Amino acid sequence: MATVSPGDRKDLIGLIVSDHRAAERLFAELIAGAGDAQHRRDLADHLTTELVRHSVAEELYLYPAARRALPDGDDVADRGIEEHADIERILKDLEGVDPADRTFDELIGRLYVDVQDHVAQEEREVLPRVQDACDADELRELGELVARTNAAAPTRPHPSAPDTPPQDLVLASGTGMIDKFRDALTGGDAR
């Protein structure tokens, strides 16, 4: 099956692939080691925010669509959610680490490998199948929901938070609001 590319698509598939490319750019800068410690911390915080928002969007819209549309959709969704939980645990570990500490680079390396594996599998297998199984209107509507959800999504990792409906739907916006309040108080979320 062919991989998908975002192009100018504003539907579910295009937005997800666009998020993947944005994360790759942040990883490239982090791995290059450019900038002082504060710049690297800001990049890591921004990457964390983007990955958490992206995970929420996939768990609220992509995986339920996969569950509905694909014969093995439950397995596909469960695997993706499990990978997100692994990534969020690494993000949580990274949260307080000084960028001058070699643990910072080790965690970034582990995170990079896990995210790259997840993205490759998703773009090679999951997204093309969901794209084929759903009609253009549904993908466009889901893309609009993703765009709206990004504004309210959490900005910090919450590896122990529920990640399946309906609990995830109820907690995501409340957690996002609390994270945004914390970000305002602490100067977090380096967007």
Foldseek 3Di string as FASTA:
>chain_A
DDFDEQPPDLFQLNVLNVLLVVLVVLLVVLLVVDDDQVVNLLSLLQSLQSLQLSLLLCLVFVLVLQVVFPPCSVVVSVVLNVLSLVLLVLQVVLNPDGSVDVVNVVSSVVNVVSSVVSVVCCRGPRSVSSPVRDDPVSRRVSSVVSVVLSVQAASHRDSVQDRHPPRSVVVGNVNSVVNVVVCVVVVTNSD
